[in-house]
Protein backbone atom coordinates (compact mmCIF):
# COMPACT_ATOMS: atom_id res chain seq x y z
CA UNK A 1 0.02 0.00 0.09
CA UNK A 2 2.82 2.46 0.80
CA UNK A 3 4.51 1.67 -2.44
CA UNK A 4 1.21 2.48 -4.39
CA UNK A 5 1.02 5.76 -2.57
CA UNK A 6 4.66 6.69 -3.05
CA UNK A 7 6.10 4.62 -5.80
CA UNK A 8 9.16 6.89 -6.28
CA UNK A 9 10.10 7.05 -2.59
CA UNK A 10 13.45 5.39 -1.92
CA UNK A 11 12.20 3.98 1.37
CA UNK A 12 9.15 2.31 -0.11
CA UNK A 13 11.04 1.05 -3.13
CA UNK A 14 13.65 -0.49 -0.84
CA UNK A 15 11.07 -2.00 1.65
CA UNK A 16 8.93 -3.62 -1.00
CA UNK A 17 12.18 -5.06 -2.80
CA UNK A 18 13.22 -6.34 0.64
CA UNK A 19 9.72 -8.00 1.31
CA UNK A 20 9.97 -9.59 -2.16
CA UNK A 21 13.47 -10.82 -1.41
CA UNK A 22 12.14 -12.50 1.78
CA UNK A 23 9.42 -14.10 -0.23
CA UNK A 24 11.95 -15.53 -2.80
CA UNK A 25 10.61 -13.30 -5.46
CA UNK A 26 14.15 -12.43 -6.36
CA UNK A 27 13.44 -11.19 -9.98
CA UNK A 28 10.80 -8.64 -8.95
CA UNK A 29 13.14 -7.50 -5.97
CA UNK A 30 15.91 -7.03 -8.45
CA UNK A 31 13.90 -5.05 -10.82
CA UNK A 32 12.90 -2.70 -7.93
CA UNK A 33 16.43 -2.50 -6.66
CA UNK A 34 17.84 -1.75 -10.11
CA UNK A 35 15.34 1.25 -10.32
CA UNK A 36 16.55 2.67 -7.01
CA UNK A 37 20.23 2.13 -7.74
CA UNK A 38 19.87 3.92 -10.98
CA UNK A 39 17.90 6.98 -9.61
CA UNK A 40 19.59 10.23 -9.95
CA UNK A 41 20.24 12.37 -6.78
CA UNK A 42 17.46 14.76 -7.76
CA UNK A 43 15.02 11.79 -8.18
CA UNK A 44 15.89 10.30 -4.93
CA UNK A 45 15.33 13.65 -3.10
CA UNK A 46 12.17 14.38 -5.02
CA UNK A 47 10.64 10.90 -4.52
CA UNK A 48 10.21 11.41 -0.73
CA UNK A 49 10.90 14.84 0.74
CA UNK A 50 10.67 13.68 4.22
CA UNK A 51 13.70 11.34 4.10
CA UNK A 52 16.93 12.97 5.56
CA UNK A 53 19.36 10.83 3.62
CA UNK A 54 17.75 9.27 0.64
CA UNK A 55 21.22 8.40 -0.78
CA UNK A 56 21.52 5.94 2.22
CA UNK A 57 18.54 3.89 0.88
CA UNK A 58 20.21 3.80 -2.56
CA UNK A 59 23.46 2.55 -1.04
CA UNK A 60 21.70 -0.03 1.17
CA UNK A 61 19.92 -1.10 -2.11
CA UNK A 62 23.30 -2.16 -3.45
CA UNK A 63 23.81 -4.42 -0.45
CA UNK A 64 20.53 -5.86 -0.72
CA UNK A 65 21.03 -6.34 -4.43
CA UNK A 66 24.27 -8.33 -3.45
CA UNK A 67 21.99 -10.68 -1.54
CA UNK A 68 19.40 -10.93 -4.14
CA UNK A 69 21.89 -11.79 -7.02
CA UNK A 70 23.88 -14.20 -4.97
CA UNK A 71 20.86 -16.11 -3.86
CA UNK A 72 19.24 -16.16 -7.18
CA UNK A 73 22.27 -16.83 -9.41
CA UNK A 74 24.70 -18.33 -6.98
CA UNK A 75 27.36 -16.42 -8.69
CA UNK A 76 29.92 -14.56 -6.66
CA UNK A 77 31.24 -12.79 -9.65
CA UNK A 78 27.75 -11.27 -10.45
CA UNK A 79 26.95 -10.32 -6.86
CA UNK A 80 29.97 -9.05 -5.16
CA UNK A 81 30.37 -5.95 -7.14
CA UNK A 82 27.27 -4.63 -5.48
CA UNK A 83 28.56 -5.36 -1.96
CA UNK A 84 31.86 -3.64 -2.94
CA UNK A 85 30.16 -0.56 -4.13
CA UNK A 86 28.11 -0.47 -0.97
CA UNK A 87 31.19 -0.61 1.17
CA UNK A 88 32.90 2.03 -1.02
CA UNK A 89 29.81 4.35 -0.44
CA UNK A 90 30.19 4.01 3.31
CA UNK A 91 33.80 5.26 3.03
CA UNK A 92 32.29 8.43 1.67
CA UNK A 93 30.24 8.97 4.73
CA UNK A 94 26.80 7.60 3.84
CA UNK A 95 24.81 6.05 6.75
CA UNK A 96 23.56 2.54 6.45
CA UNK A 97 21.09 0.32 8.20
CA UNK A 98 24.04 -2.02 8.87
CA UNK A 99 27.36 -1.46 10.57
CA UNK A 100 30.34 -1.81 8.35
CA UNK A 101 31.77 -4.59 10.59
CA UNK A 102 28.40 -6.56 10.32
CA UNK A 103 28.62 -6.24 6.48
CA UNK A 104 32.16 -7.41 6.27
CA UNK A 105 31.39 -10.48 8.57
CA UNK A 106 28.32 -11.29 6.61
CA UNK A 107 30.30 -11.18 3.38
CA UNK A 108 32.95 -13.48 4.96
CA UNK A 109 30.34 -15.83 6.03
CA UNK A 110 28.68 -15.81 2.56
CA UNK A 111 31.96 -16.61 0.89
CA UNK A 112 32.07 -19.79 2.69
CA UNK A 113 28.61 -20.73 1.63
CA UNK A 114 29.03 -19.63 -2.02
CA UNK A 115 32.71 -19.84 -2.86
CA UNK A 116 33.88 -17.39 -5.43
CA UNK A 117 35.69 -19.98 -7.39
């Protein structure tokens, strides 16, 4: 319902994509995340004027995309660039829903589950 009311709000796009991912509807989640990842800064800000840091949702969408791609393709080569870009954004001062330490720990755990080679 929130997405229907605000289809361009980074928060509603991200939350719907995350819900779809949890329901194993990876292709739909991937389509929404791709939209969010490729939005311009102006579109991010205009999509939901009450958000303080819409760029953070975009950066977190990269990390969620890492999960979606990894679980749907089982390809480390296809998924990891999204996680790497998320971590690079963090170095530029963007906030995140996750601590950098927890992101790195989870990536290490997933490497064991989905070896890159």
